[in-house]
């Protein structure tokens, strides 16, 4: 399999992404320097080569990190993941920009209502954060929960989308009622 990668620039630093023939296979959240991104990409995708034809996708990511809603319609290459994980990732992509859903909601959406922890574990292995917006999935009590990168990134990404994060609870237009802790 051949891997092609590109970069995107944000106020947080430089990020990278990787495509295969099947679609987008990986995304590196912004880091301090380009060399760090390249080392990460080559560690996960040996033999990957830079492809400047991917600049359009990099531009979309840069817009997203400026706080602009962006529709990521690219095909994904999730061939290395189980059927369960693929279902979780595809259902996560349906969560609208600026909104949140609970792990329980996501488990129900894929027809596995008792699989909240398994959903969380799958999201913890999400290879394409932002495009598969796992940052939009929170705990049923309204707290942030984990993130495939660091929790700081989850909070940053939600703030970019206009979702208010503060202390223990998180509130959004479809998210959590902070008084009852019930996710709508």
Protein backbone atom coordinates (compact mmCIF):
# COMPACT_ATOMS: atom_id res chain seq x y z
CA UNK A 1 0.00 0.00 0.00
CA UNK A 2 1.30 3.47 -0.79
CA UNK A 3 0.93 6.38 1.58
CA UNK A 4 0.85 10.05 0.63
CA UNK A 5 0.91 12.84 3.18
CA UNK A 6 0.48 16.57 3.40
CA UNK A 7 0.68 19.32 5.98
CA UNK A 8 -1.66 21.99 7.27
CA UNK A 9 -0.88 25.12 9.27
CA UNK A 10 -2.78 26.50 12.24
CA UNK A 11 -2.21 28.99 15.02
CA UNK A 12 -1.50 25.93 17.21
CA UNK A 13 1.29 24.66 14.97
CA UNK A 14 1.71 22.36 11.99
CA UNK A 15 -0.28 19.18 11.50
CA UNK A 16 -0.18 16.39 8.96
CA UNK A 17 -2.52 13.91 7.32
CA UNK A 18 -2.12 10.71 5.34
CA UNK A 19 -4.05 9.27 2.40
CA UNK A 20 -3.96 5.82 0.84
CA UNK A 21 -5.61 4.79 -2.43
CA UNK A 22 -8.77 4.12 -0.40
CA UNK A 23 -8.96 7.46 1.36
CA UNK A 24 -7.86 9.43 4.41
CA UNK A 25 -6.06 7.09 6.81
CA UNK A 26 -4.53 9.31 9.48
CA UNK A 27 -4.40 12.80 10.90
CA UNK A 28 -1.81 14.34 13.20
CA UNK A 29 -3.04 17.23 15.32
CA UNK A 30 -0.85 20.35 15.23
CA UNK A 31 2.62 20.14 16.75
CA UNK A 32 5.47 22.55 17.23
CA UNK A 33 7.36 21.74 14.06
CA UNK A 34 7.10 20.06 10.70
CA UNK A 35 9.87 17.57 11.47
CA UNK A 36 7.94 16.24 14.46
CA UNK A 37 4.87 15.70 12.26
CA UNK A 38 6.89 13.99 9.55
CA UNK A 39 8.55 11.66 12.07
CA UNK A 40 5.14 10.72 13.47
CA UNK A 41 3.73 10.07 9.99
CA UNK A 42 6.70 7.96 8.89
CA UNK A 43 6.57 5.99 12.14
CA UNK A 44 2.95 4.99 11.55
CA UNK A 45 2.99 4.91 7.74
CA UNK A 46 6.41 3.66 6.60
CA UNK A 47 7.41 4.81 3.15
CA UNK A 48 4.91 7.67 3.07
CA UNK A 49 5.85 10.45 0.68
CA UNK A 50 4.87 14.10 0.62
CA UNK A 51 2.31 14.97 -2.07
CA UNK A 52 1.62 18.63 -2.74
CA UNK A 53 -1.55 17.65 -4.63
CA UNK A 54 -3.12 17.18 -1.20
CA UNK A 55 -2.90 20.92 -0.39
CA UNK A 56 -6.66 21.41 -0.88
CA UNK A 57 -7.40 19.09 2.03
CA UNK A 58 -4.75 20.86 4.11
CA UNK A 59 -6.49 24.17 3.36
CA UNK A 60 -9.78 22.72 4.67
CA UNK A 61 -8.10 21.68 7.91
CA UNK A 62 -6.55 25.14 8.30
CA UNK A 63 -10.01 26.69 7.89
CA UNK A 64 -11.43 24.35 10.51
CA UNK A 65 -8.72 25.41 12.97
CA UNK A 66 -9.71 29.04 12.34
CA UNK A 67 -13.12 28.14 13.78
CA UNK A 68 -14.95 27.86 10.48
CA UNK A 69 -17.43 24.99 9.93
CA UNK A 70 -16.00 22.68 7.29
CA UNK A 71 -17.60 19.67 5.68
CA UNK A 72 -15.12 16.82 5.41
CA UNK A 73 -16.55 14.55 2.74
CA UNK A 74 -13.37 12.64 1.97
CA UNK A 75 -13.45 8.86 1.78
CA UNK A 76 -11.80 7.17 4.75
CA UNK A 77 -9.49 4.19 4.79
CA UNK A 78 -10.56 2.30 7.90
CA UNK A 79 -9.45 -1.08 6.57
CA UNK A 80 -7.21 -1.74 9.59
CA UNK A 81 -10.14 -1.52 12.01
CA UNK A 82 -12.83 -3.96 13.13
CA UNK A 83 -16.41 -3.76 11.88
CA UNK A 84 -17.45 -2.45 15.31
CA UNK A 85 -14.83 0.33 15.21
CA UNK A 86 -15.81 1.30 11.66
CA UNK A 87 -19.46 1.58 12.73
CA UNK A 88 -18.45 3.79 15.66
CA UNK A 89 -16.31 6.03 13.43
CA UNK A 90 -18.95 6.40 10.73
CA UNK A 91 -21.70 7.18 13.26
CA UNK A 92 -19.42 9.72 14.94
CA UNK A 93 -19.08 11.53 11.61
CA UNK A 94 -22.84 12.27 11.72
CA UNK A 95 -22.54 14.47 14.82
CA UNK A 96 -23.00 18.05 13.60
CA UNK A 97 -20.39 20.78 14.03
CA UNK A 98 -20.84 22.59 17.34
CA UNK A 99 -22.90 19.83 18.95
CA UNK A 100 -22.13 16.95 21.28
CA UNK A 101 -23.51 13.48 21.90
CA UNK A 102 -22.89 10.99 24.69
CA UNK A 103 -21.06 7.68 24.46
CA UNK A 104 -24.45 6.11 25.23
CA UNK A 105 -26.11 7.91 22.33
CA UNK A 106 -23.39 6.66 20.02
CA UNK A 107 -23.72 3.10 21.31
CA UNK A 108 -27.47 3.21 20.60
CA UNK A 109 -26.86 4.75 17.16
CA UNK A 110 -24.81 1.71 16.11
CA UNK A 111 -27.33 -0.75 17.56
CA UNK A 112 -25.23 -1.69 20.62
CA UNK A 113 -26.87 0.25 23.49
CA UNK A 114 -24.87 -1.51 26.23
CA UNK A 115 -21.49 -0.97 24.55
CA UNK A 116 -20.69 2.52 25.92
CA UNK A 117 -17.23 1.53 27.17
CA UNK A 118 -16.39 -0.28 23.94
CA UNK A 119 -17.45 2.85 22.03
CA UNK A 120 -15.11 4.90 24.22
CA UNK A 121 -12.27 2.45 23.61
CA UNK A 122 -12.84 2.59 19.84
CA UNK A 123 -12.82 6.39 19.93
CA UNK A 124 -9.57 6.25 21.90
CA UNK A 125 -8.01 4.58 18.84
CA UNK A 126 -9.49 7.07 16.37
CA UNK A 127 -6.82 7.56 13.67
CA UNK A 128 -8.47 10.64 12.14
CA UNK A 129 -9.47 13.14 14.84
CA UNK A 130 -11.42 16.20 13.64
CA UNK A 131 -12.66 14.39 10.49
CA UNK A 132 -14.02 11.64 12.73
CA UNK A 133 -15.03 14.16 15.40
CA UNK A 134 -14.57 12.08 18.53
CA UNK A 135 -14.11 15.33 20.46
CA UNK A 136 -17.88 15.78 20.12
CA UNK A 137 -18.56 12.65 22.19
CA UNK A 138 -18.86 13.25 25.92
CA UNK A 139 -19.90 11.33 29.01
CA UNK A 140 -23.56 10.97 29.92
CA UNK A 141 -23.01 13.23 32.95
CA UNK A 142 -21.78 16.03 30.68
CA UNK A 143 -18.10 15.76 31.55
CA UNK A 144 -15.61 15.60 28.72
CA UNK A 145 -14.39 12.02 28.99
CA UNK A 146 -11.27 10.92 27.16
CA UNK A 147 -9.80 11.80 23.79
CA UNK A 148 -7.60 10.00 21.29
CA UNK A 149 -5.04 12.80 21.67
CA UNK A 150 -4.89 14.76 24.93
CA UNK A 151 -7.93 16.11 26.80
CA UNK A 152 -6.62 19.62 26.21
CA UNK A 153 -7.24 19.07 22.49
CA UNK A 154 -10.80 17.90 23.12
CA UNK A 155 -11.53 21.09 24.99
CA UNK A 156 -9.79 23.23 22.32
CA UNK A 157 -11.69 21.64 19.45
CA UNK A 158 -15.04 22.01 21.20
CA UNK A 159 -14.25 25.66 21.98
CA UNK A 160 -13.34 26.23 18.31
CA UNK A 161 -16.82 24.95 17.43
CA UNK A 162 -18.47 27.28 19.95
CA UNK A 163 -19.26 24.62 22.54
CA UNK A 164 -18.81 26.00 26.04
CA UNK A 165 -16.54 23.95 28.26
CA UNK A 166 -16.17 24.85 31.87
CA UNK A 167 -15.24 22.86 34.92
CA UNK A 168 -17.06 19.56 35.08
CA UNK A 169 -19.95 20.08 32.71
CA UNK A 170 -20.15 20.79 29.04
CA UNK A 171 -23.18 22.41 27.47
CA UNK A 172 -24.12 22.59 23.81
CA UNK A 173 -27.25 23.04 21.74
CA UNK A 174 -27.89 19.31 21.79
CA UNK A 175 -25.56 18.25 24.55
CA UNK A 176 -25.95 18.26 28.27
CA UNK A 177 -28.39 19.95 30.56
CA UNK A 178 -25.94 20.94 33.27
CA UNK A 179 -28.57 20.78 36.02
CA UNK A 180 -29.74 17.25 35.42
CA UNK A 181 -26.66 15.81 33.69
CA UNK A 182 -28.92 14.25 31.08
CA UNK A 183 -27.66 14.23 27.55
CA UNK A 184 -30.41 15.07 25.08
